[in-house]
Amino acid sequence: MVHQADVAAVAARVLTGDGHVGATHVLTGPQVVSRADQVRLIGEAIGRPLRFEEVPVEAARERMLADGRPPALVEALLATTRRPRSDLVTSTVEQITGRPARTFRQWAADHADAFR
């Protein structure tokens, strides 16, 4: 996970600085955070316990379709369940901006109102 403020800070430096023409920058947050930990950290940010419960793919598909989501969106969302787990963490944000990438905990705190 990468905080959108870090994406913006990197973009500003890359678009206004020298040495980035043709470069590919891979951005990540400072650590890999599981979905269960993401939910837990959002719960901490809003001051109430939350837990992640894995749902079988077919049950998730049926529920999202029943809720009226477009089939193409449902399939796009479910495609993320088929990706292999990544342990990739880069230091690109810090290299380009001069400050460490924000944590998921910080992202959750910054967006806590959206989850209340």
PDB file of N, CA and C in Angstrom:
ATOM      1  N   MET A   1       0.848  -1.178   0.000  1.00  0.00           N
ATOM      2  CA  MET A   1       0.000   0.000   0.000  1.00  0.00           C
ATOM      3  C   MET A   1       0.888   1.233   0.000  1.00  0.00           C
ATOM      4  N   VAL A   2       0.463   2.216  -0.749  1.00  0.00           N
ATOM      5  CA  VAL A   2       1.197   3.484  -0.791  1.00  0.00           C
ATOM      6  C   VAL A   2       0.201   4.624  -0.580  1.00  0.00           C
ATOM      7  N   HIS A   3       0.543   5.522   0.315  1.00  0.00           N
ATOM      8  CA  HIS A   3      -0.302   6.669   0.657  1.00  0.00           C
ATOM      9  C   HIS A   3      -0.390   7.605  -0.544  1.00  0.00           C
ATOM     10  N   GLN A   4      -1.593   8.089  -0.843  1.00  0.00           N
ATOM     11  CA  GLN A   4      -1.766   8.960  -2.000  1.00  0.00           C
ATOM     12  C   GLN A   4      -0.959  10.254  -1.872  1.00  0.00           C
ATOM     13  N   ALA A   5      -0.687  10.708  -0.670  1.00  0.00           N
ATOM     14  CA  ALA A   5       0.139  11.906  -0.498  1.00  0.00           C
ATOM     15  C   ALA A   5       1.578  11.635  -0.932  1.00  0.00           C
ATOM     16  N   ASP A   6       2.033  10.398  -0.750  1.00  0.00           N
ATOM     17  CA  ASP A   6       3.376  10.032  -1.219  1.00  0.00           C
ATOM     18  C   ASP A   6       3.412   9.965  -2.740  1.00  0.00           C
ATOM     19  N   VAL A   7       2.349   9.440  -3.338  1.00  0.00           N
ATOM     20  CA  VAL A   7       2.265   9.402  -4.805  1.00  0.00           C
ATOM     21  C   VAL A   7       2.322  10.834  -5.340  1.00  0.00           C
ATOM     22  N   ALA A   8       1.564  11.725  -4.730  1.00  0.00           N
ATOM     23  CA  ALA A   8       1.538  13.120  -5.175  1.00  0.00           C
ATOM     24  C   ALA A   8       2.896  13.783  -5.001  1.00  0.00           C
ATOM     25  N   ALA A   9       3.558  13.535  -3.882  1.00  0.00           N
ATOM     26  CA  ALA A   9       4.867  14.148  -3.637  1.00  0.00           C
ATOM     27  C   ALA A   9       5.902  13.657  -4.640  1.00  0.00           C
ATOM     28  N   VAL A  10       5.878  12.369  -4.931  1.00  0.00           N
ATOM     29  CA  VAL A  10       6.801  11.820  -5.929  1.00  0.00           C
ATOM     30  C   VAL A  10       6.476  12.400  -7.301  1.00  0.00           C
ATOM     31  N   ALA A  11       5.218  12.453  -7.652  1.00  0.00           N
ATOM     32  CA  ALA A  11       4.824  12.989  -8.964  1.00  0.00           C
ATOM     33  C   ALA A  11       5.291  14.431  -9.118  1.00  0.00           C
ATOM     34  N   ALA A  12       5.124  15.231  -8.078  1.00  0.00           N
ATOM     35  CA  ALA A  12       5.552  16.627  -8.152  1.00  0.00           C
ATOM     36  C   ALA A  12       7.061  16.731  -8.389  1.00  0.00           C
ATOM     37  N   ARG A  13       7.838  15.911  -7.685  1.00  0.00           N
ATOM     38  CA  ARG A  13       9.298  15.938  -7.867  1.00  0.00           C
ATOM     39  C   ARG A  13       9.693  15.445  -9.254  1.00  0.00           C
ATOM     40  N   VAL A  14       9.065  14.370  -9.695  1.00  0.00           N
ATOM     41  CA  VAL A  14       9.405  13.784 -10.993  1.00  0.00           C
ATOM     42  C   VAL A  14       9.030  14.733 -12.132  1.00  0.00           C
ATOM     43  N   LEU A  15       7.888  15.374 -12.024  1.00  0.00           N
ATOM     44  CA  LEU A  15       7.425  16.259 -13.087  1.00  0.00           C
ATOM     45  C   LEU A  15       8.173  17.586 -13.135  1.00  0.00           C
ATOM     46  N   THR A  16       8.731  17.999 -12.012  1.00  0.00           N
ATOM     47  CA  THR A  16       9.416  19.297 -11.977  1.00  0.00           C
ATOM     48  C   THR A  16      10.927  19.187 -11.841  1.00  0.00           C
ATOM     49  N   GLY A  17      11.435  17.983 -11.609  1.00  0.00           N
ATOM     50  CA  GLY A  17      12.866  17.810 -11.413  1.00  0.00           C
ATOM     51  C   GLY A  17      13.552  17.207 -12.618  1.00  0.00           C
ATOM     52  N   ASP A  18      14.847  17.161 -12.524  1.00  0.00           N
ATOM     53  CA  ASP A  18      15.661  16.593 -13.601  1.00  0.00           C
ATOM     54  C   ASP A  18      15.955  15.115 -13.326  1.00  0.00           C
ATOM     55  N   GLY A  19      16.286  14.407 -14.393  1.00  0.00           N
ATOM     56  CA  GLY A  19      16.769  13.045 -14.268  1.00  0.00           C
ATOM     57  C   GLY A  19      15.723  11.962 -14.237  1.00  0.00           C
ATOM     58  N   HIS A  20      14.496  12.292 -14.566  1.00  0.00           N
ATOM     59  CA  HIS A  20      13.442  11.273 -14.494  1.00  0.00           C
ATOM     60  C   HIS A  20      12.877  10.893 -15.855  1.00  0.00           C
ATOM     61  N   VAL A  21      13.340  11.524 -16.907  1.00  0.00           N
ATOM     62  CA  VAL A  21      12.817  11.233 -18.245  1.00  0.00           C
ATOM     63  C   VAL A  21      13.091   9.770 -18.578  1.00  0.00           C
ATOM     64  N   GLY A  22      12.041   9.055 -18.919  1.00  0.00           N
ATOM     65  CA  GLY A  22      12.173   7.650 -19.288  1.00  0.00           C
ATOM     66  C   GLY A  22      12.322   6.700 -18.115  1.00  0.00           C
ATOM     67  N   ALA A  23      12.385   7.240 -16.902  1.00  0.00           N
ATOM     68  CA  ALA A  23      12.562   6.390 -15.713  1.00  0.00           C
ATOM     69  C   ALA A  23      11.242   5.743 -15.316  1.00  0.00           C
ATOM     70  N   THR A  24      11.338   4.592 -14.716  1.00  0.00           N
ATOM     71  CA  THR A  24      10.182   3.918 -14.134  1.00  0.00           C
ATOM     72  C   THR A  24      10.410   3.863 -12.633  1.00  0.00           C
ATOM     73  N   HIS A  25       9.488   4.409 -11.872  1.00  0.00           N
ATOM     74  CA  HIS A  25       9.609   4.438 -10.416  1.00  0.00           C
ATOM     75  C   HIS A  25       8.538   3.540  -9.806  1.00  0.00           C
ATOM     76  N   VAL A  26       8.957   2.564  -9.037  1.00  0.00           N
ATOM     77  CA  VAL A  26       8.030   1.659  -8.364  1.00  0.00           C
ATOM     78  C   VAL A  26       7.841   2.174  -6.942  1.00  0.00           C
ATOM     79  N   LEU A  27       6.604   2.533  -6.624  1.00  0.00           N
ATOM     80  CA  LEU A  27       6.305   3.086  -5.310  1.00  0.00           C
ATOM     81  C   LEU A  27       5.602   2.059  -4.441  1.00  0.00           C
ATOM     82  N   THR A  28       6.009   2.009  -3.184  1.00  0.00           N
ATOM     83  CA  THR A  28       5.328   1.189  -2.187  1.00  0.00           C
ATOM     84  C   THR A  28       5.336   1.961  -0.873  1.00  0.00           C
ATOM     85  N   GLY A  29       4.558   1.473   0.053  1.00  0.00           N
ATOM     86  CA  GLY A  29       4.657   1.974   1.412  1.00  0.00           C
ATOM     87  C   GLY A  29       5.887   1.360   2.060  1.00  0.00           C
ATOM     88  N   PRO A  30       6.105   1.636   3.334  1.00  0.00           N
ATOM     89  CA  PRO A  30       7.312   1.148   4.002  1.00  0.00           C
ATOM     90  C   PRO A  30       7.259  -0.308   4.444  1.00  0.00           C
ATOM     91  N   GLN A  31       6.063  -0.923   4.365  1.00  0.00           N
ATOM     92  CA  GLN A  31       5.969  -2.339   4.734  1.00  0.00           C
ATOM     93  C   GLN A  31       4.775  -2.976   4.030  1.00  0.00           C
ATOM     94  N   VAL A  32       4.815  -4.292   3.939  1.00  0.00           N
ATOM     95  CA  VAL A  32       3.684  -5.052   3.410  1.00  0.00           C
ATOM     96  C   VAL A  32       2.680  -5.192   4.548  1.00  0.00           C
ATOM     97  N   VAL A  33       1.414  -4.889   4.260  1.00  0.00           N
ATOM     98  CA  VAL A  33       0.371  -4.955   5.277  1.00  0.00           C
ATOM     99  C   VAL A  33      -0.729  -5.880   4.765  1.00  0.00           C
ATOM    100  N   SER A  34      -1.007  -6.933   5.497  1.00  0.00           N
ATOM    101  CA  SER A  34      -2.048  -7.880   5.090  1.00  0.00           C
ATOM    102  C   SER A  34      -3.423  -7.213   5.162  1.00  0.00           C
ATOM    103  N   ARG A  35      -4.394  -7.819   4.499  1.00  0.00           N
ATOM    104  CA  ARG A  35      -5.754  -7.275   4.566  1.00  0.00           C
ATOM    105  C   ARG A  35      -6.272  -7.294   5.998  1.00  0.00           C
ATOM    106  N   ALA A  36      -5.968  -8.360   6.728  1.00  0.00           N
ATOM    107  CA  ALA A  36      -6.408  -8.436   8.125  1.00  0.00           C
ATOM    108  C   ALA A  36      -5.796  -7.293   8.932  1.00  0.00           C
ATOM    109  N   ASP A  37      -4.527  -6.998   8.715  1.00  0.00           N
ATOM    110  CA  ASP A  37      -3.888  -5.897   9.431  1.00  0.00           C
ATOM    111  C   ASP A  37      -4.433  -4.546   8.979  1.00  0.00           C
ATOM    112  N   GLN A  38      -4.770  -4.404   7.706  1.00  0.00           N
ATOM    113  CA  GLN A  38      -5.369  -3.158   7.232  1.00  0.00           C
ATOM    114  C   GLN A  38      -6.678  -2.891   7.971  1.00  0.00           C
ATOM    115  N   VAL A  39      -7.507  -3.910   8.074  1.00  0.00           N
ATOM    116  CA  VAL A  39      -8.796  -3.756   8.758  1.00  0.00           C
ATOM    117  C   VAL A  39      -8.570  -3.436  10.238  1.00  0.00           C
ATOM    118  N   ARG A  40      -7.627  -4.139  10.863  1.00  0.00           N
ATOM    119  CA  ARG A  40      -7.325  -3.881  12.276  1.00  0.00           C
ATOM    120  C   ARG A  40      -6.862  -2.444  12.483  1.00  0.00           C
ATOM    121  N   LEU A  41      -5.986  -1.960  11.605  1.00  0.00           N
ATOM    122  CA  LEU A  41      -5.461  -0.599  11.735  1.00  0.00           C
ATOM    123  C   LEU A  41      -6.539   0.458  11.483  1.00  0.00           C
ATOM    124  N   ILE A  42      -7.462   0.187  10.575  1.00  0.00           N
ATOM    125  CA  ILE A  42      -8.592   1.100  10.377  1.00  0.00           C
ATOM    126  C   ILE A  42      -9.436   1.125  11.653  1.00  0.00           C
ATOM    127  N   GLY A  43      -9.657  -0.040  12.241  1.00  0.00           N
ATOM    128  CA  GLY A  43     -10.398  -0.106  13.503  1.00  0.00           C
ATOM    129  C   GLY A  43      -9.730   0.707  14.599  1.00  0.00           C
ATOM    130  N   GLU A  44      -8.420   0.606  14.706  1.00  0.00           N
ATOM    131  CA  GLU A  44      -7.689   1.402  15.701  1.00  0.00           C
ATOM    132  C   GLU A  44      -7.859   2.890  15.420  1.00  0.00           C
ATOM    133  N   ALA A  45      -7.831   3.267  14.146  1.00  0.00           N
ATOM    134  CA  ALA A  45      -7.948   4.682  13.782  1.00  0.00           C
ATOM    135  C   ALA A  45      -9.323   5.249  14.125  1.00  0.00           C
ATOM    136  N   ILE A  46     -10.356   4.418  14.057  1.00  0.00           N
ATOM    137  CA  ILE A  46     -11.706   4.909  14.354  1.00  0.00           C
ATOM    138  C   ILE A  46     -12.140   4.580  15.778  1.00  0.00           C
ATOM    139  N   GLY A  47     -11.271   3.909  16.514  1.00  0.00           N
ATOM    140  CA  GLY A  47     -11.558   3.655  17.919  1.00  0.00           C
ATOM    141  C   GLY A  47     -12.538   2.545  18.198  1.00  0.00           C
ATOM    142  N   ARG A  48     -12.604   1.567  17.290  1.00  0.00           N
ATOM    143  CA  ARG A  48     -13.462   0.409  17.561  1.00  0.00           C
ATOM    144  C   ARG A  48     -12.841  -0.830  16.919  1.00  0.00           C
ATOM    145  N   PRO A  49     -12.986  -1.963  17.565  1.00  0.00           N
ATOM    146  CA  PRO A  49     -12.360  -3.171  17.018  1.00  0.00           C
ATOM    147  C   PRO A  49     -13.061  -3.642  15.746  1.00  0.00           C
ATOM    148  N   LEU A  50     -12.256  -3.956  14.745  1.00  0.00           N
ATOM    149  CA  LEU A  50     -12.746  -4.523  13.494  1.00  0.00           C
ATOM    150  C   LEU A  50     -11.949  -5.778  13.201  1.00  0.00           C
ATOM    151  N   ARG A  51     -12.534  -6.684  12.454  1.00  0.00           N
ATOM    152  CA  ARG A  51     -11.788  -7.883  12.062  1.00  0.00           C
ATOM    153  C   ARG A  51     -12.091  -8.192  10.604  1.00  0.00           C
ATOM    154  N   PHE A  52     -11.142  -8.799   9.970  1.00  0.00           N
ATOM    155  CA  PHE A  52     -11.257  -9.197   8.575  1.00  0.00           C
ATOM    156  C   PHE A  52     -11.752 -10.636   8.523  1.00  0.00           C
ATOM    157  N   GLU A  53     -12.772 -10.877   7.721  1.00  0.00           N
ATOM    158  CA  GLU A  53     -13.260 -12.232   7.514  1.00  0.00           C
ATOM    159  C   GLU A  53     -13.181 -12.540   6.029  1.00  0.00           C
ATOM    160  N   GLU A  54     -12.401 -13.531   5.682  1.00  0.00           N
ATOM    161  CA  GLU A  54     -12.274 -13.919   4.281  1.00  0.00           C
ATOM    162  C   GLU A  54     -13.573 -14.563   3.808  1.00  0.00           C
ATOM    163  N   VAL A  55     -13.994 -14.185   2.614  1.00  0.00           N
ATOM    164  CA  VAL A  55     -15.231 -14.701   2.027  1.00  0.00           C
ATOM    165  C   VAL A  55     -14.852 -15.482   0.774  1.00  0.00           C
ATOM    166  N   PRO A  56     -15.420 -16.676   0.575  1.00  0.00           N
ATOM    167  CA  PRO A  56     -15.137 -17.409  -0.655  1.00  0.00           C
ATOM    168  C   PRO A  56     -15.466 -16.557  -1.887  1.00  0.00           C
ATOM    169  N   VAL A  57     -14.674 -16.695  -2.934  1.00  0.00           N
ATOM    170  CA  VAL A  57     -14.813 -15.875  -4.134  1.00  0.00           C
ATOM    171  C   VAL A  57     -16.218 -15.961  -4.716  1.00  0.00           C
ATOM    172  N   GLU A  58     -16.768 -17.145  -4.814  1.00  0.00           N
ATOM    173  CA  GLU A  58     -18.112 -17.282  -5.399  1.00  0.00           C
ATOM    174  C   GLU A  58     -19.166 -16.565  -4.559  1.00  0.00           C
ATOM    175  N   ALA A  59     -19.044 -16.655  -3.244  1.00  0.00           N
ATOM    176  CA  ALA A  59     -19.997 -15.959  -2.374  1.00  0.00           C
ATOM    177  C   ALA A  59     -19.847 -14.446  -2.528  1.00  0.00           C
ATOM    178  N   ALA A  60     -18.620 -13.970  -2.649  1.00  0.00           N
ATOM    179  CA  ALA A  60     -18.385 -12.533  -2.851  1.00  0.00           C
ATOM    180  C   ALA A  60     -18.973 -12.082  -4.183  1.00  0.00           C
ATOM    181  N   ARG A  61     -18.768 -12.880  -5.224  1.00  0.00           N
ATOM    182  CA  ARG A  61     -19.311 -12.544  -6.547  1.00  0.00           C
ATOM    183  C   ARG A  61     -20.839 -12.435  -6.476  1.00  0.00           C
ATOM    184  N   GLU A  62     -21.474 -13.439  -5.898  1.00  0.00           N
ATOM    185  CA  GLU A  62     -22.935 -13.448  -5.800  1.00  0.00           C
ATOM    186  C   GLU A  62     -23.448 -12.234  -5.036  1.00  0.00           C
ATOM    187  N   ARG A  63     -22.787 -11.897  -3.935  1.00  0.00           N
ATOM    188  CA  ARG A  63     -23.233 -10.770  -3.102  1.00  0.00           C
ATOM    189  C   ARG A  63     -23.079  -9.437  -3.832  1.00  0.00           C
ATOM    190  N   MET A  64     -21.928  -9.245  -4.476  1.00  0.00           N
ATOM    191  CA  MET A  64     -21.699  -7.983  -5.180  1.00  0.00           C
ATOM    192  C   MET A  64     -22.669  -7.818  -6.345  1.00  0.00           C
ATOM    193  N   LEU A  65     -22.932  -8.892  -7.066  1.00  0.00           N
ATOM    194  CA  LEU A  65     -23.899  -8.824  -8.171  1.00  0.00           C
ATOM    195  C   LEU A  65     -25.301  -8.552  -7.636  1.00  0.00           C
ATOM    196  N   ALA A  66     -25.657  -9.199  -6.529  1.00  0.00           N
ATOM    197  CA  ALA A  66     -26.976  -8.986  -5.918  1.00  0.00           C
ATOM    198  C   ALA A  66     -27.130  -7.557  -5.418  1.00  0.00           C
ATOM    199  N   ASP A  67     -26.012  -6.938  -5.017  1.00  0.00           N
ATOM    200  CA  ASP A  67     -26.042  -5.545  -4.554  1.00  0.00           C
ATOM    201  C   ASP A  67     -26.128  -4.557  -5.714  1.00  0.00           C
ATOM    202  N   GLY A  68     -26.087  -5.066  -6.958  1.00  0.00           N
ATOM    203  CA  GLY A  68     -26.246  -4.206  -8.123  1.00  0.00           C
ATOM    204  C   GLY A  68     -24.960  -3.704  -8.755  1.00  0.00           C
ATOM    205  N   ARG A  69     -23.818  -4.233  -8.329  1.00  0.00           N
ATOM    206  CA  ARG A  69     -22.572  -3.801  -8.961  1.00  0.00           C
ATOM    207  C   ARG A  69     -22.496  -4.364 -10.380  1.00  0.00           C
ATOM    208  N   PRO A  70     -21.957  -3.590 -11.317  1.00  0.00           N
ATOM    209  CA  PRO A  70     -21.829  -4.076 -12.691  1.00  0.00           C
ATOM    210  C   PRO A  70     -20.920  -5.304 -12.751  1.00  0.00           C
ATOM    211  N   PRO A  71     -21.272  -6.299 -13.562  1.00  0.00           N
ATOM    212  CA  PRO A  71     -20.457  -7.521 -13.652  1.00  0.00           C
ATOM    213  C   PRO A  71     -18.985  -7.258 -13.958  1.00  0.00           C
ATOM    214  N   ALA A  72     -18.689  -6.292 -14.825  1.00  0.00           N
ATOM    215  CA  ALA A  72     -17.285  -6.012 -15.157  1.00  0.00           C
ATOM    216  C   ALA A  72     -16.529  -5.517 -13.927  1.00  0.00           C
ATOM    217  N   LEU A  73     -17.174  -4.695 -13.103  1.00  0.00           N
ATOM    218  CA  LEU A  73     -16.543  -4.216 -11.879  1.00  0.00           C
ATOM    219  C   LEU A  73     -16.311  -5.367 -10.910  1.00  0.00           C
ATOM    220  N   VAL A  74     -17.307  -6.224 -10.769  1.00  0.00           N
ATOM    221  CA  VAL A  74     -17.182  -7.382  -9.873  1.00  0.00           C
ATOM    222  C   VAL A  74     -15.989  -8.235 -10.284  1.00  0.00           C
ATOM    223  N   GLU A  75     -15.872  -8.520 -11.570  1.00  0.00           N
ATOM    224  CA  GLU A  75     -14.755  -9.356 -12.035  1.00  0.00           C
ATOM    225  C   GLU A  75     -13.412  -8.663 -11.828  1.00  0.00           C
ATOM    226  N   ALA A  76     -13.384  -7.343 -12.022  1.00  0.00           N
ATOM    227  CA  ALA A  76     -12.135  -6.595 -11.797  1.00  0.00           C
ATOM    228  C   ALA A  76     -11.746  -6.644 -10.320  1.00  0.00           C
ATOM    229  N   LEU A  77     -12.719  -6.481  -9.439  1.00  0.00           N
ATOM    230  CA  LEU A  77     -12.429  -6.550  -8.004  1.00  0.00           C
ATOM    231  C   LEU A  77     -11.963  -7.941  -7.592  1.00  0.00           C
ATOM    232  N   LEU A  78     -12.607  -8.957  -8.134  1.00  0.00           N
ATOM    233  CA  LEU A  78     -12.240 -10.330  -7.778  1.00  0.00           C
ATOM    234  C   LEU A  78     -10.906 -10.747  -8.383  1.00  0.00           C
ATOM    235  N   ALA A  79     -10.486 -10.089  -9.451  1.00  0.00           N
ATOM    236  CA  ALA A  79      -9.199 -10.410 -10.061  1.00  0.00           C
ATOM    237  C   ALA A  79      -8.056 -10.186  -9.082  1.00  0.00           C
ATOM    238  N   THR A  80      -8.235  -9.263  -8.155  1.00  0.00           N
ATOM    239  CA  THR A  80      -7.174  -9.004  -7.176  1.00  0.00           C
ATOM    240  C   THR A  80      -6.940 -10.199  -6.258  1.00  0.00           C
ATOM    241  N   THR A  81      -7.927 -11.084  -6.139  1.00  0.00           N
ATOM    242  CA  THR A  81      -7.764 -12.259  -5.283  1.00  0.00           C
ATOM    243  C   THR A  81      -6.890 -13.315  -5.939  1.00  0.00           C
ATOM    244  N   ARG A  82      -6.680 -13.180  -7.252  1.00  0.00           N
ATOM    245  CA  ARG A  82      -5.892 -14.185  -7.977  1.00  0.00           C
ATOM    246  C   ARG A  82      -4.431 -13.779  -8.143  1.00  0.00           C
ATOM    247  N   ARG A  83      -4.101 -12.573  -7.716  1.00  0.00           N
ATOM    248  CA  ARG A  83      -2.711 -12.128  -7.823  1.00  0.00           C
ATOM    249  C   ARG A  83      -1.871 -12.803  -6.751  1.00  0.00           C
ATOM    250  N   PRO A  84      -0.634 -13.131  -7.085  1.00  0.00           N
ATOM    251  CA  PRO A  84       0.236 -13.691  -6.043  1.00  0.00           C
ATOM    252  C   PRO A  84       0.582 -12.609  -5.018  1.00  0.00           C
ATOM    253  N   ARG A  85       0.791 -13.037  -3.802  1.00  0.00           N
ATOM    254  CA  ARG A  85       1.178 -12.112  -2.735  1.00  0.00           C
ATOM    255  C   ARG A  85       2.519 -11.492  -3.079  1.00  0.00           C
ATOM    256  N   SER A  86       2.640 -10.213  -2.816  1.00  0.00           N
ATOM    257  CA  SER A  86       3.900  -9.522  -3.078  1.00  0.00           C
ATOM    258  C   SER A  86       4.526  -9.086  -1.761  1.00  0.00           C
ATOM    259  N   ASP A  87       5.807  -9.312  -1.642  1.00  0.00           N
ATOM    260  CA  ASP A  87       6.555  -8.843  -0.479  1.00  0.00           C
ATOM    261  C   ASP A  87       7.442  -7.664  -0.861  1.00  0.00           C
ATOM    262  N   LEU A  88       7.151  -7.057  -2.006  1.00  0.00           N
ATOM    263  CA  LEU A  88       7.972  -5.966  -2.515  1.00  0.00           C
ATOM    264  C   LEU A  88       7.788  -4.699  -1.683  1.00  0.00           C
ATOM    265  N   VAL A  89       8.900  -4.164  -1.202  1.00  0.00           N
ATOM    266  CA  VAL A  89       8.939  -2.875  -0.525  1.00  0.00           C
ATOM    267  C   VAL A  89      10.105  -2.111  -1.132  1.00  0.00           C
ATOM    268  N   THR A  90       9.835  -0.906  -1.611  1.00  0.00           N
ATOM    269  CA  THR A  90      10.896  -0.101  -2.206  1.00  0.00           C
ATOM    270  C   THR A  90      11.165   1.129  -1.337  1.00  0.00           C
ATOM    271  N   SER A  91      12.295   1.749  -1.570  1.00  0.00           N
ATOM    272  CA  SER A  91      12.640   3.000  -0.884  1.00  0.00           C
ATOM    273  C   SER A  91      12.496   4.186  -1.837  1.00  0.00           C
ATOM    274  N   THR A  92      11.772   4.003  -2.920  1.00  0.00           N
ATOM    275  CA  THR A  92      11.653   5.024  -3.954  1.00  0.00           C
ATOM    276  C   THR A  92      11.076   6.333  -3.423  1.00  0.00           C
ATOM    277  N   VAL A  93      10.053   6.260  -2.596  1.00  0.00           N
ATOM    278  CA  VAL A  93       9.443   7.485  -2.063  1.00  0.00           C
ATOM    279  C   VAL A  93      10.504   8.310  -1.339  1.00  0.00           C
ATOM    280  N   GLU A  94      11.260   7.674  -0.474  1.00  0.00           N
ATOM    281  CA  GLU A  94      12.290   8.396   0.281  1.00  0.00           C
ATOM    282  C   GLU A  94      13.417   8.889  -0.625  1.00  0.00           C
ATOM    283  N   GLN A  95      13.818   8.075  -1.588  1.00  0.00           N
ATOM    284  CA  GLN A  95      14.890   8.487  -2.500  1.00  0.00           C
ATOM    285  C   GLN A  95      14.501   9.735  -3.280  1.00  0.00           C
ATOM    286  N   ILE A  96      13.255   9.823  -3.689  1.00  0.00           N
ATOM    287  CA  ILE A  96      12.829  10.947  -4.521  1.00  0.00           C
ATOM    288  C   ILE A  96      12.413  12.158  -3.689  1.00  0.00           C
ATOM    289  N   THR A  97      11.728  11.938  -2.570  1.00  0.00           N
ATOM    290  CA  THR A  97      11.199  13.063  -1.794  1.00  0.00           C
ATOM    291  C   THR A  97      12.093  13.484  -0.632  1.00  0.00           C
ATOM    292  N   GLY A  98      12.974  12.580  -0.217  1.00  0.00           N
ATOM    293  CA  GLY A  98      13.816  12.890   0.934  1.00  0.00           C
ATOM    294  C   GLY A  98      13.167  12.592   2.270  1.00  0.00           C
ATOM    295  N   ARG A  99      11.987  11.980   2.246  1.00  0.00           N
ATOM    296  CA  ARG A  99      11.322  11.593   3.491  1.00  0.00           C
ATOM    297  C   ARG A  99      10.756  10.188   3.348  1.00  0.00           C
ATOM    298  N   PRO A 100      10.697   9.441   4.431  1.00  0.00           N
ATOM    299  CA  PRO A 100      10.190   8.064   4.342  1.00  0.00           C
ATOM    300  C   PRO A 100       8.735   8.020   3.891  1.00  0.00           C
ATOM    301  N   ALA A 101       8.376   6.923   3.277  1.00  0.00           N
ATOM    302  CA  ALA A 101       6.983   6.707   2.886  1.00  0.00           C
ATOM    303  C   ALA A 101       6.117   6.634   4.133  1.00  0.00           C
ATOM    304  N   ARG A 102       4.896   7.126   4.009  1.00  0.00           N
ATOM    305  CA  ARG A 102       3.947   7.066   5.119  1.00  0.00           C
ATOM    306  C   ARG A 102       3.471   5.624   5.305  1.00  0.00           C
ATOM    307  N   THR A 103       3.149   5.278   6.518  1.00  0.00           N
ATOM    308  CA  THR A 103       2.687   3.929   6.836  1.00  0.00           C
ATOM    309  C   THR A 103       1.195   3.786   6.560  1.00  0.00           C
ATOM    310  N   PHE A 104       0.722   2.554   6.528  1.00  0.00           N
ATOM    311  CA  PHE A 104      -0.721   2.326   6.405  1.00  0.00           C
ATOM    312  C   PHE A 104      -1.430   2.863   7.642  1.00  0.00           C
ATOM    313  N   ARG A 105      -0.802   2.759   8.792  1.00  0.00           N
ATOM    314  CA  ARG A 105      -1.379   3.311  10.028  1.00  0.00           C
ATOM    315  C   ARG A 105      -1.662   4.805   9.848  1.00  0.00           C
ATOM    316  N   GLN A 106      -0.717   5.519   9.233  1.00  0.00           N
ATOM    317  CA  GLN A 106      -0.903   6.949   8.982  1.00  0.00           C
ATOM    318  C   GLN A 106      -2.053   7.172   7.995  1.00  0.00           C
ATOM    319  N   TRP A 107      -2.093   6.346   6.940  1.00  0.00           N
ATOM    320  CA  TRP A 107      -3.194   6.463   5.972  1.00  0.00           C
ATOM    321  C   TRP A 107      -4.536   6.264   6.673  1.00  0.00           C
ATOM    322  N   ALA A 108      -4.623   5.246   7.521  1.00  0.00           N
ATOM    323  CA  ALA A 108      -5.875   4.970   8.235  1.00  0.00           C
ATOM    324  C   ALA A 108      -6.258   6.143   9.126  1.00  0.00           C
ATOM    325  N   ALA A 109      -5.302   6.722   9.821  1.00  0.00           N
ATOM    326  CA  ALA A 109      -5.581   7.881  10.672  1.00  0.00           C
ATOM    327  C   ALA A 109      -6.052   9.066   9.831  1.00  0.00           C
ATOM    328  N   ASP A 110      -5.398   9.275   8.691  1.00  0.00           N
ATOM    329  CA  ASP A 110      -5.760  10.387   7.813  1.00  0.00           C
ATOM    330  C   ASP A 110      -7.160  10.237   7.229  1.00  0.00           C
ATOM    331  N   HIS A 111      -7.643   9.004   7.096  1.00  0.00           N
ATOM    332  CA  HIS A 111      -8.940   8.734   6.466  1.00  0.00           C
ATOM    333  C   HIS A 111      -9.986   8.188   7.443  1.00  0.00           C
ATOM    334  N   ALA A 112      -9.722   8.291   8.721  1.00  0.00           N
ATOM    335  CA  ALA A 112     -10.618   7.713   9.723  1.00  0.00           C
ATOM    336  C   ALA A 112     -12.052   8.217   9.574  1.00  0.00           C
ATOM    337  N   ASP A 113     -12.236   9.484   9.272  1.00  0.00           N
ATOM    338  CA  ASP A 113     -13.598  10.011   9.148  1.00  0.00           C
ATOM    339  C   ASP A 113     -14.400   9.311   8.064  1.00  0.00           C
ATOM    340  N   ALA A 114     -13.726   8.841   7.030  1.00  0.00           N
ATOM    341  CA  ALA A 114     -14.425   8.146   5.946  1.00  0.00           C
ATOM    342  C   ALA A 114     -14.966   6.787   6.389  1.00  0.00           C
ATOM    343  N   PHE A 115     -14.434   6.257   7.490  1.00  0.00           N
ATOM    344  CA  PHE A 115     -14.847   4.939   7.969  1.00  0.00           C
ATOM    345  C   PHE A 115     -15.801   5.018   9.155  1.00  0.00           C
ATOM    346  N   ARG A 116     -16.076   6.206   9.626  1.00  0.00           N
ATOM    347  CA  ARG A 116     -16.975   6.351  10.786  1.00  0.00           C
ATOM    348  C   ARG A 116     -18.417   6.373  10.344  1.00  0.00           C
TER     349      ARG A 116
END
